[in-house]
C-alpha atoms as a PDB file:
ATOM      1  CA  UNK A   1      29.601   1.736  21.553  1.00  0.00           C
ATOM      2  CA  UNK A   2      29.076   5.482  21.324  1.00  0.00           C
ATOM      3  CA  UNK A   3      25.504   6.571  22.051  1.00  0.00           C
ATOM      4  CA  UNK A   4      26.178  10.272  21.545  1.00  0.00           C
ATOM      5  CA  UNK A   5      24.744  12.017  18.509  1.00  0.00           C
ATOM      6  CA  UNK A   6      27.183  13.356  15.953  1.00  0.00           C
ATOM      7  CA  UNK A   7      27.404  17.067  15.260  1.00  0.00           C
ATOM      8  CA  UNK A   8      25.524  16.614  11.979  1.00  0.00           C
ATOM      9  CA  UNK A   9      22.762  14.626  13.706  1.00  0.00           C
ATOM     10  CA  UNK A  10      22.335  17.293  16.356  1.00  0.00           C
ATOM     11  CA  UNK A  11      22.111  20.003  13.694  1.00  0.00           C
ATOM     12  CA  UNK A  12      19.530  17.998  11.768  1.00  0.00           C
ATOM     13  CA  UNK A  13      17.467  17.299  14.880  1.00  0.00           C
ATOM     14  CA  UNK A  14      17.450  20.977  15.860  1.00  0.00           C
ATOM     15  CA  UNK A  15      16.512  22.067  12.344  1.00  0.00           C
ATOM     16  CA  UNK A  16      13.575  19.641  12.172  1.00  0.00           C
ATOM     17  CA  UNK A  17      12.504  20.549  15.708  1.00  0.00           C
ATOM     18  CA  UNK A  18      12.437  24.234  14.727  1.00  0.00           C
ATOM     19  CA  UNK A  19      10.481  23.408  11.576  1.00  0.00           C
ATOM     20  CA  UNK A  20       7.972  21.381  13.575  1.00  0.00           C
ATOM     21  CA  UNK A  21       7.463  24.164  16.103  1.00  0.00           C
ATOM     22  CA  UNK A  22       7.178  26.972  13.551  1.00  0.00           C
ATOM     23  CA  UNK A  23       5.488  25.299  10.589  1.00  0.00           C
ATOM     24  CA  UNK A  24       3.644  22.187  11.806  1.00  0.00           C
ATOM     25  CA  UNK A  25       2.352  22.951  15.304  1.00  0.00           C
ATOM     26  CA  UNK A  26       0.407  26.125  14.309  1.00  0.00           C
ATOM     27  CA  UNK A  27      -1.644  24.212  11.695  1.00  0.00           C
ATOM     28  CA  UNK A  28      -1.736  20.694  13.157  1.00  0.00           C
ATOM     29  CA  UNK A  29      -5.029  20.942  15.053  1.00  0.00           C
ATOM     30  CA  UNK A  30      -6.788  22.511  12.075  1.00  0.00           C
ATOM     31  CA  UNK A  31      -5.583  19.779   9.711  1.00  0.00           C
ATOM     32  CA  UNK A  32      -6.781  17.090  12.092  1.00  0.00           C
ATOM     33  CA  UNK A  33     -10.144  18.750  12.662  1.00  0.00           C
ATOM     34  CA  UNK A  34     -10.774  19.089   8.915  1.00  0.00           C
ATOM     35  CA  UNK A  35      -9.369  15.633   8.103  1.00  0.00           C
ATOM     36  CA  UNK A  36      -7.143  17.410   5.622  1.00  0.00           C
ATOM     37  CA  UNK A  37      -4.139  15.856   3.941  1.00  0.00           C
ATOM     38  CA  UNK A  38      -0.967  17.855   4.840  1.00  0.00           C
ATOM     39  CA  UNK A  39       0.102  18.503   1.252  1.00  0.00           C
ATOM     40  CA  UNK A  40       1.689  21.908   1.909  1.00  0.00           C
ATOM     41  CA  UNK A  41       3.752  20.568   4.801  1.00  0.00           C
ATOM     42  CA  UNK A  42       4.983  17.692   2.662  1.00  0.00           C
ATOM     43  CA  UNK A  43       6.011  20.136  -0.052  1.00  0.00           C
ATOM     44  CA  UNK A  44       8.014  22.097   2.521  1.00  0.00           C
ATOM     45  CA  UNK A  45       9.633  18.917   3.838  1.00  0.00           C
ATOM     46  CA  UNK A  46      10.532  17.985   0.275  1.00  0.00           C
ATOM     47  CA  UNK A  47      12.191  21.374  -0.069  1.00  0.00           C
ATOM     48  CA  UNK A  48      14.320  20.554   2.970  1.00  0.00           C
ATOM     49  CA  UNK A  49      15.333  17.221   1.423  1.00  0.00           C
ATOM     50  CA  UNK A  50      13.502  15.192   4.056  1.00  0.00           C
ATOM     51  CA  UNK A  51      11.512  13.111   1.540  1.00  0.00           C
ATOM     52  CA  UNK A  52      14.802  11.980   0.006  1.00  0.00           C
ATOM     53  CA  UNK A  53      16.516  10.866   3.206  1.00  0.00           C
ATOM     54  CA  UNK A  54      16.547   7.239   2.068  1.00  0.00           C
ATOM     55  CA  UNK A  55      17.213   8.046  -1.606  1.00  0.00           C
ATOM     56  CA  UNK A  56      20.837   7.953  -2.875  1.00  0.00           C
ATOM     57  CA  UNK A  57      22.438  11.148  -4.163  1.00  0.00           C
ATOM     58  CA  UNK A  58      22.566   9.880  -7.751  1.00  0.00           C
ATOM     59  CA  UNK A  59      18.750   9.798  -7.754  1.00  0.00           C
ATOM     60  CA  UNK A  60      18.335  13.267  -6.274  1.00  0.00           C
ATOM     61  CA  UNK A  61      18.147  12.322  -2.591  1.00  0.00           C
ATOM     62  CA  UNK A  62      20.331  13.119   0.413  1.00  0.00           C
ATOM     63  CA  UNK A  63      20.683   9.501   1.728  1.00  0.00           C
ATOM     64  CA  UNK A  64      21.327   9.913   5.446  1.00  0.00           C
ATOM     65  CA  UNK A  65      21.979   7.298   8.106  1.00  0.00           C
ATOM     66  CA  UNK A  66      18.974   5.590   9.710  1.00  0.00           C
ATOM     67  CA  UNK A  67      19.389   7.326  13.053  1.00  0.00           C
ATOM     68  CA  UNK A  68      19.060  10.698  11.326  1.00  0.00           C
ATOM     69  CA  UNK A  69      15.844   9.514   9.689  1.00  0.00           C
ATOM     70  CA  UNK A  70      14.516   8.309  13.051  1.00  0.00           C
ATOM     71  CA  UNK A  71      15.374  11.629  14.692  1.00  0.00           C
ATOM     72  CA  UNK A  72      13.478  13.431  11.942  1.00  0.00           C
ATOM     73  CA  UNK A  73      10.414  11.207  12.319  1.00  0.00           C
ATOM     74  CA  UNK A  74      10.532  11.607  16.099  1.00  0.00           C
ATOM     75  CA  UNK A  75      10.609  15.407  15.952  1.00  0.00           C
ATOM     76  CA  UNK A  76       7.751  15.555  13.443  1.00  0.00           C
ATOM     77  CA  UNK A  77       5.757  13.087  15.561  1.00  0.00           C
ATOM     78  CA  UNK A  78       5.821  15.547  18.440  1.00  0.00           C
ATOM     79  CA  UNK A  79       3.879  18.045  16.344  1.00  0.00           C
ATOM     80  CA  UNK A  80       1.718  15.890  14.041  1.00  0.00           C
ATOM     81  CA  UNK A  81       1.967  12.074  14.327  1.00  0.00           C
ATOM     82  CA  UNK A  82      -0.024  11.429  11.150  1.00  0.00           C
ATOM     83  CA  UNK A  83       2.491  13.431   9.128  1.00  0.00           C
ATOM     84  CA  UNK A  84       5.317  11.415  10.659  1.00  0.00           C
ATOM     85  CA  UNK A  85       3.599   8.178   9.580  1.00  0.00           C
ATOM     86  CA  UNK A  86       3.346   9.458   5.999  1.00  0.00           C
ATOM     87  CA  UNK A  87       7.042  10.309   6.044  1.00  0.00           C
ATOM     88  CA  UNK A  88       8.037   7.006   7.634  1.00  0.00           C
ATOM     89  CA  UNK A  89       6.160   4.897   5.088  1.00  0.00           C
ATOM     90  CA  UNK A  90       7.395   6.994   2.171  1.00  0.00           C
ATOM     91  CA  UNK A  91      11.054   6.795   3.200  1.00  0.00           C
ATOM     92  CA  UNK A  92      11.181   3.218   4.476  1.00  0.00           C
ATOM     93  CA  UNK A  93       8.562   1.002   2.845  1.00  0.00           C
ATOM     94  CA  UNK A  94       8.657   2.820  -0.487  1.00  0.00           C
ATOM     95  CA  UNK A  95      11.983   4.527  -1.214  1.00  0.00           C
ATOM     96  CA  UNK A  96      14.166   2.146   0.772  1.00  0.00           C
ATOM     97  CA  UNK A  97      12.535  -0.947  -0.746  1.00  0.00           C
ATOM     98  CA  UNK A  98      12.951   0.334  -4.308  1.00  0.00           C
ATOM     99  CA  UNK A  99      16.561   1.353  -3.668  1.00  0.00           C
ATOM    100  CA  UNK A 100      17.486  -1.978  -2.096  1.00  0.00           C
ATOM    101  CA  UNK A 101      15.511  -4.432  -4.233  1.00  0.00           C
ATOM    102  CA  UNK A 102      14.472  -2.585  -7.402  1.00  0.00           C
ATOM    103  CA  UNK A 103      16.192  -2.821 -10.759  1.00  0.00           C
ATOM    104  CA  UNK A 104      17.700   0.244 -12.385  1.00  0.00           C
ATOM    105  CA  UNK A 105      14.657   1.148 -14.563  1.00  0.00           C
ATOM    106  CA  UNK A 106      12.441   1.127 -11.475  1.00  0.00           C
ATOM    107  CA  UNK A 107      14.872   3.270  -9.475  1.00  0.00           C
ATOM    108  CA  UNK A 108      15.179   5.781 -12.293  1.00  0.00           C
ATOM    109  CA  UNK A 109      11.415   5.933 -12.739  1.00  0.00           C
ATOM    110  CA  UNK A 110      10.398   6.487  -9.114  1.00  0.00           C
ATOM    111  CA  UNK A 111      13.234   7.589  -6.818  1.00  0.00           C
ATOM    112  CA  UNK A 112      13.980  11.077  -8.255  1.00  0.00           C
ATOM    113  CA  UNK A 113      10.308  12.067  -8.160  1.00  0.00           C
ATOM    114  CA  UNK A 114       9.900  10.526  -4.696  1.00  0.00           C
ATOM    115  CA  UNK A 115      12.837  12.555  -3.375  1.00  0.00           C
ATOM    116  CA  UNK A 116      11.269  15.756  -4.764  1.00  0.00           C
ATOM    117  CA  UNK A 117       7.853  14.931  -3.317  1.00  0.00           C
ATOM    118  CA  UNK A 118       6.210  14.714  -6.735  1.00  0.00           C
ATOM    119  CA  UNK A 119       4.980  11.252  -5.797  1.00  0.00           C
ATOM    120  CA  UNK A 120       4.503   9.684  -2.374  1.00  0.00           C
ATOM    121  CA  UNK A 121       4.698   6.046  -1.428  1.00  0.00           C
ATOM    122  CA  UNK A 122       2.095   4.318   0.722  1.00  0.00           C
ATOM    123  CA  UNK A 123       0.797   0.929   1.738  1.00  0.00           C
ATOM    124  CA  UNK A 124      -2.751  -0.280   2.186  1.00  0.00           C
ATOM    125  CA  UNK A 125      -4.605  -2.476   4.671  1.00  0.00           C
ATOM    126  CA  UNK A 126      -8.011  -4.020   4.156  1.00  0.00           C
ATOM    127  CA  UNK A 127     -10.464  -2.536   6.636  1.00  0.00           C
ATOM    128  CA  UNK A 128     -11.544  -5.938   7.985  1.00  0.00           C
ATOM    129  CA  UNK A 129      -8.835  -8.180   9.408  1.00  0.00           C
ATOM    130  CA  UNK A 130      -6.138  -5.697   8.343  1.00  0.00           C
ATOM    131  CA  UNK A 131      -4.682  -8.176   5.863  1.00  0.00           C
ATOM    132  CA  UNK A 132      -2.260  -6.763   3.345  1.00  0.00           C
ATOM    133  CA  UNK A 133      -2.308  -7.916  -0.245  1.00  0.00           C
ATOM    134  CA  UNK A 134       0.772  -6.639  -2.010  1.00  0.00           C
ATOM    135  CA  UNK A 135       1.204  -7.460  -5.679  1.00  0.00           C
ATOM    136  CA  UNK A 136       4.435  -7.053  -7.529  1.00  0.00           C
ATOM    137  CA  UNK A 137       4.332  -7.562 -11.279  1.00  0.00           C
ATOM    138  CA  UNK A 138       7.502  -8.260 -13.248  1.00  0.00           C
ATOM    139  CA  UNK A 139       7.393  -7.116 -16.886  1.00  0.00           C
ATOM    140  CA  UNK A 140      10.409  -7.501 -19.145  1.00  0.00           C
ATOM    141  CA  UNK A 141      13.204  -5.667 -17.336  1.00  0.00           C
ATOM    142  CA  UNK A 142      10.858  -3.320 -15.540  1.00  0.00           C
ATOM    143  CA  UNK A 143       9.068  -3.940 -12.262  1.00  0.00           C
ATOM    144  CA  UNK A 144       5.907  -2.136 -11.255  1.00  0.00           C
ATOM    145  CA  UNK A 145       4.857  -2.206  -7.620  1.00  0.00           C
ATOM    146  CA  UNK A 146       1.174  -2.605  -6.941  1.00  0.00           C
ATOM    147  CA  UNK A 147      -0.910  -2.653  -3.768  1.00  0.00           C
ATOM    148  CA  UNK A 148      -4.123  -4.627  -4.011  1.00  0.00           C
ATOM    149  CA  UNK A 149      -6.998  -3.117  -2.113  1.00  0.00           C
ATOM    150  CA  UNK A 150      -9.028   0.716  -2.933  1.00  0.00           C
ATOM    151  CA  UNK A 151      -8.103   4.284  -3.700  1.00  0.00           C
ATOM    152  CA  UNK A 152      -9.251   6.714  -1.065  1.00  0.00           C
ATOM    153  CA  UNK A 153      -9.166  10.499  -1.162  1.00  0.00           C
ATOM    154  CA  UNK A 154      -5.929  10.686   0.787  1.00  0.00           C
ATOM    155  CA  UNK A 155      -4.152   8.418  -1.695  1.00  0.00           C
ATOM    156  CA  UNK A 156      -5.341  10.565  -4.566  1.00  0.00           C
ATOM    157  CA  UNK A 157      -4.309  13.749  -2.763  1.00  0.00           C
ATOM    158  CA  UNK A 158      -0.856  12.262  -2.324  1.00  0.00           C
ATOM    159  CA  UNK A 159      -0.645  11.630  -6.097  1.00  0.00           C
ATOM    160  CA  UNK A 160       0.266   7.994  -5.462  1.00  0.00           C
ATOM    161  CA  UNK A 161       0.939   6.220  -8.737  1.00  0.00           C
ATOM    162  CA  UNK A 162       0.752   2.733  -7.319  1.00  0.00           C
ATOM    163  CA  UNK A 163      -2.499   0.963  -8.157  1.00  0.00           C
ATOM    164  CA  UNK A 164      -4.586   0.753  -5.008  1.00  0.00           C
ATOM    165  CA  UNK A 165      -7.815  -1.019  -4.290  1.00  0.00           C
ATOM    166  CA  UNK A 166      -9.601  -1.162  -0.919  1.00  0.00           C
ATOM    167  CA  UNK A 167     -12.597  -3.233   0.081  1.00  0.00           C
ATOM    168  CA  UNK A 168     -15.332  -0.681  -0.573  1.00  0.00           C
ATOM    169  CA  UNK A 169     -18.229   0.039   1.736  1.00  0.00           C
ATOM    170  CA  UNK A 170     -21.151   2.062   0.446  1.00  0.00           C
ATOM    171  CA  UNK A 171     -21.715   5.334   2.271  1.00  0.00           C
ATOM    172  CA  UNK A 172     -24.219   4.812   5.059  1.00  0.00           C
ATOM    173  CA  UNK A 173     -25.259   6.097   8.468  1.00  0.00           C
ATOM    174  CA  UNK A 174     -23.189   4.771  11.398  1.00  0.00           C
ATOM    175  CA  UNK A 175     -25.800   2.197  12.448  1.00  0.00           C
ATOM    176  CA  UNK A 176     -26.085   0.912   8.872  1.00  0.00           C
ATOM    177  CA  UNK A 177     -22.320   0.801   8.568  1.00  0.00           C
ATOM    178  CA  UNK A 178     -22.013  -1.282  11.742  1.00  0.00           C
ATOM    179  CA  UNK A 179     -24.589  -3.770  10.465  1.00  0.00           C
ATOM    180  CA  UNK A 180     -22.623  -3.989   7.235  1.00  0.00           C
ATOM    181  CA  UNK A 181     -19.391  -4.650   9.135  1.00  0.00           C
ATOM    182  CA  UNK A 182     -20.984  -7.449  11.182  1.00  0.00           C
ATOM    183  CA  UNK A 183     -22.349  -9.014   8.002  1.00  0.00           C
ATOM    184  CA  UNK A 184     -18.922  -8.792   6.386  1.00  0.00           C
ATOM    185  CA  UNK A 185     -17.285 -10.487   9.355  1.00  0.00           C
ATOM    186  CA  UNK A 186     -19.509 -13.504   8.897  1.00  0.00           C
ATOM    187  CA  UNK A 187     -18.190 -13.768   5.341  1.00  0.00           C
ATOM    188  CA  UNK A 188     -14.642 -12.949   6.222  1.00  0.00           C
ATOM    189  CA  UNK A 189     -13.450 -16.439   7.159  1.00  0.00           C
ATOM    190  CA  UNK A 190     -11.071 -16.460   4.224  1.00  0.00           C
ATOM    191  CA  UNK A 191      -7.753 -17.737   3.031  1.00  0.00           C
ATOM    192  CA  UNK A 192      -5.419 -15.932   0.734  1.00  0.00           C
ATOM    193  CA  UNK A 193      -4.079 -17.273  -2.523  1.00  0.00           C
ATOM    194  CA  UNK A 194      -1.114 -16.424  -4.711  1.00  0.00           C
ATOM    195  CA  UNK A 195      -0.328 -17.329  -8.296  1.00  0.00           C
ATOM    196  CA  UNK A 196       1.606 -16.201 -11.351  1.00  0.00           C
ATOM    197  CA  UNK A 197       0.529 -15.743 -14.950  1.00  0.00           C
ATOM    198  CA  UNK A 198       2.397 -16.080 -18.251  1.00  0.00           C
ATOM    199  CA  UNK A 199       4.507 -18.945 -17.000  1.00  0.00           C
ATOM    200  CA  UNK A 200       6.145 -17.387 -13.995  1.00  0.00           C
ATOM    201  CA  UNK A 201       7.272 -14.101 -12.564  1.00  0.00           C
ATOM    202  CA  UNK A 202       6.571 -12.609  -9.177  1.00  0.00           C
ATOM    203  CA  UNK A 203       3.195 -13.924  -7.926  1.00  0.00           C
ATOM    204  CA  UNK A 204       0.062 -11.920  -7.308  1.00  0.00           C
ATOM    205  CA  UNK A 205      -1.537 -12.330  -3.903  1.00  0.00           C
ATOM    206  CA  UNK A 206      -5.280 -12.021  -3.271  1.00  0.00           C
ATOM    207  CA  UNK A 207      -7.669 -12.401  -0.387  1.00  0.00           C
ATOM    208  CA  UNK A 208     -10.340 -15.049  -0.907  1.00  0.00           C
ATOM    209  CA  UNK A 209     -13.955 -14.128  -0.214  1.00  0.00           C
ATOM    210  CA  UNK A 210     -16.473 -16.850   0.654  1.00  0.00           C
ATOM    211  CA  UNK A 211     -19.374 -14.766  -0.614  1.00  0.00           C
ATOM    212  CA  UNK A 212     -21.581 -17.801  -1.150  1.00  0.00           C
ATOM    213  CA  UNK A 213     -21.388 -21.280   0.419  1.00  0.00           C
ATOM    214  CA  UNK A 214     -18.553 -23.337  -1.109  1.00  0.00           C
ATOM    215  CA  UNK A 215     -17.343 -20.378  -3.176  1.00  0.00           C
ATOM    216  CA  UNK A 216     -13.794 -19.097  -3.377  1.00  0.00           C
ATOM    217  CA  UNK A 217     -13.893 -15.655  -4.962  1.00  0.00           C
ATOM    218  CA  UNK A 218     -11.109 -13.166  -5.539  1.00  0.00           C
ATOM    219  CA  UNK A 219     -11.785  -9.535  -6.462  1.00  0.00           C
ATOM    220  CA  UNK A 220      -9.858  -7.992  -9.346  1.00  0.00           C
ATOM    221  CA  UNK A 221     -10.287  -4.460 -10.619  1.00  0.00           C
ATOM    222  CA  UNK A 222     -11.806  -4.494 -14.079  1.00  0.00           C
ATOM    223  CA  UNK A 223      -8.934  -2.388 -15.458  1.00  0.00           C
ATOM    224  CA  UNK A 224      -6.224  -4.530 -13.856  1.00  0.00           C
ATOM    225  CA  UNK A 225      -3.414  -5.807 -16.078  1.00  0.00           C
ATOM    226  CA  UNK A 226      -3.841  -9.352 -14.789  1.00  0.00           C
ATOM    227  CA  UNK A 227      -7.473  -9.737 -15.866  1.00  0.00           C
ATOM    228  CA  UNK A 228      -6.782 -10.331 -19.587  1.00  0.00           C
ATOM    229  CA  UNK A 229      -4.620 -13.325 -18.604  1.00  0.00           C
ATOM    230  CA  UNK A 230      -7.508 -15.058 -16.823  1.00  0.00           C
ATOM    231  CA  UNK A 231     -10.276 -16.942 -18.622  1.00  0.00           C
ATOM    232  CA  UNK A 232     -13.065 -19.297 -17.617  1.00  0.00           C
ATOM    233  CA  UNK A 233     -11.894 -22.916 -17.677  1.00  0.00           C
ATOM    234  CA  UNK A 234      -8.211 -22.074 -17.348  1.00  0.00           C
ATOM    235  CA  UNK A 235      -6.161 -24.087 -14.880  1.00  0.00           C
ATOM    236  CA  UNK A 236      -3.459 -22.495 -12.763  1.00  0.00           C
ATOM    237  CA  UNK A 237      -1.251 -23.713  -9.955  1.00  0.00           C
ATOM    238  CA  UNK A 238      -2.162 -21.619  -6.942  1.00  0.00           C
ATOM    239  CA  UNK A 239      -0.697 -21.537  -3.468  1.00  0.00           C
ATOM    240  CA  UNK A 240      -3.318 -21.340  -0.726  1.00  0.00           C
ATOM    241  CA  UNK A 241      -2.832 -19.985   2.783  1.00  0.00           C
ATOM    242  CA  UNK A 242      -5.189 -20.610   5.657  1.00  0.00           C
ATOM    243  CA  UNK A 243      -5.581 -18.964   9.083  1.00  0.00           C
ATOM    244  CA  UNK A 244      -6.616 -22.312  10.571  1.00  0.00           C
ATOM    245  CA  UNK A 245      -7.480 -25.903   9.793  1.00  0.00           C
ATOM    246  CA  UNK A 246     -10.803 -25.203   8.099  1.00  0.00           C
ATOM    247  CA  UNK A 247      -9.203 -25.137   4.650  1.00  0.00           C
ATOM    248  CA  UNK A 248      -6.191 -27.099   3.425  1.00  0.00           C
ATOM    249  CA  UNK A 249      -3.214 -25.008   2.406  1.00  0.00           C
ATOM    250  CA  UNK A 250      -0.420 -25.685  -0.056  1.00  0.00           C
ATOM    251  CA  UNK A 251      -0.156 -25.604  -3.838  1.00  0.00           C
ATOM    252  CA  UNK A 252      -3.226 -26.857  -5.678  1.00  0.00           C
ATOM    253  CA  UNK A 253      -4.248 -26.888  -9.304  1.00  0.00           C
ATOM    254  CA  UNK A 254      -7.221 -24.573  -9.614  1.00  0.00           C
ATOM    255  CA  UNK A 255      -9.854 -23.988 -12.289  1.00  0.00           C
ATOM    256  CA  UNK A 256     -11.416 -20.601 -12.958  1.00  0.00           C
ATOM    257  CA  UNK A 257     -15.147 -21.391 -12.805  1.00  0.00           C
ATOM    258  CA  UNK A 258     -16.617 -18.001 -13.560  1.00  0.00           C
ATOM    259  CA  UNK A 259     -15.689 -14.373 -14.068  1.00  0.00           C
ATOM    260  CA  UNK A 260     -18.446 -11.878 -13.280  1.00  0.00           C
ATOM    261  CA  UNK A 261     -18.234  -8.116 -13.709  1.00  0.00           C
ATOM    262  CA  UNK A 262     -19.989  -6.142 -10.982  1.00  0.00           C
ATOM    263  CA  UNK A 263     -21.541  -2.836 -12.059  1.00  0.00           C
ATOM    264  CA  UNK A 264     -23.218  -1.892  -8.777  1.00  0.00           C
ATOM    265  CA  UNK A 265     -23.074  -2.571  -5.038  1.00  0.00           C
ATOM    266  CA  UNK A 266     -19.971  -2.722  -2.872  1.00  0.00           C
ATOM    267  CA  UNK A 267     -17.942  -4.602  -5.512  1.00  0.00           C
ATOM    268  CA  UNK A 268     -18.705  -2.070  -8.250  1.00  0.00           C
ATOM    269  CA  UNK A 269     -15.863  -1.712 -10.709  1.00  0.00           C
ATOM    270  CA  UNK A 270     -14.458  -5.162  -9.985  1.00  0.00           C
ATOM    271  CA  UNK A 271     -14.631  -8.623 -11.444  1.00  0.00           C
ATOM    272  CA  UNK A 272     -15.465 -11.555  -9.199  1.00  0.00           C
ATOM    273  CA  UNK A 273     -13.295 -14.503 -10.186  1.00  0.00           C
ATOM    274  CA  UNK A 274     -14.654 -17.782  -8.824  1.00  0.00           C
ATOM    275  CA  UNK A 275     -11.970 -20.401  -8.156  1.00  0.00           C
ATOM    276  CA  UNK A 276     -12.380 -24.162  -7.857  1.00  0.00           C
ATOM    277  CA  UNK A 277      -9.412 -26.024  -6.313  1.00  0.00           C
ATOM    278  CA  UNK A 278      -9.086 -29.492  -7.862  1.00  0.00           C
END
């Protein structure tokens, strides 16, 4: 096995190292201090083709080998680690996943713009328990990727087109915020649940909130495409997951007991869908 870098890999590494030293390092501390999204740096990286390193040529990318991508991420990490994370997620979790698993309409829709930096891919973690809730909705011959959990200012700055929804905390002083977190943890002994609508397709996955005793509530954005398919009294087969033995897992027929729209408080803009496993 040859562990030496190829000539092309060395040239790429040196080019990115020079870019990091001349373009990233002089502004890195200021960006961090201001909590500013590095939009201009991403535009410059797009101009170098870096945002298309996992996108095939036919979709406007430069599709390099994985070692070249890792060398690029490593060199950028030296100057600004947060920028390297943005690049890593965009190239691997977003572009690579669409290229490998997406159908042609999805590739055509997203990959050319992703390679040019017109859109950026991301993933989202809930702030408590760091549990991901990725939804993928299949519609006709087109697949739209969705991430279930809240848009923050960085996501908007990145012009992310994937629907995002985070667990929202009202703005508060640090001491108030800590009390809110502790209160949330007491409620956060949850399972997750997944189910499909319209007779099949790729399932949606949601975190379950035990907001009240004996309640199993999922949060759905009021403008979500799935909401019109849910109605009070409907029965769906849902697959439950549990972190322990407190709740039984497996597939269970479930009734939708109640759907409540929240217009204020931390769930503002969402519908609370109360589930009752039978």
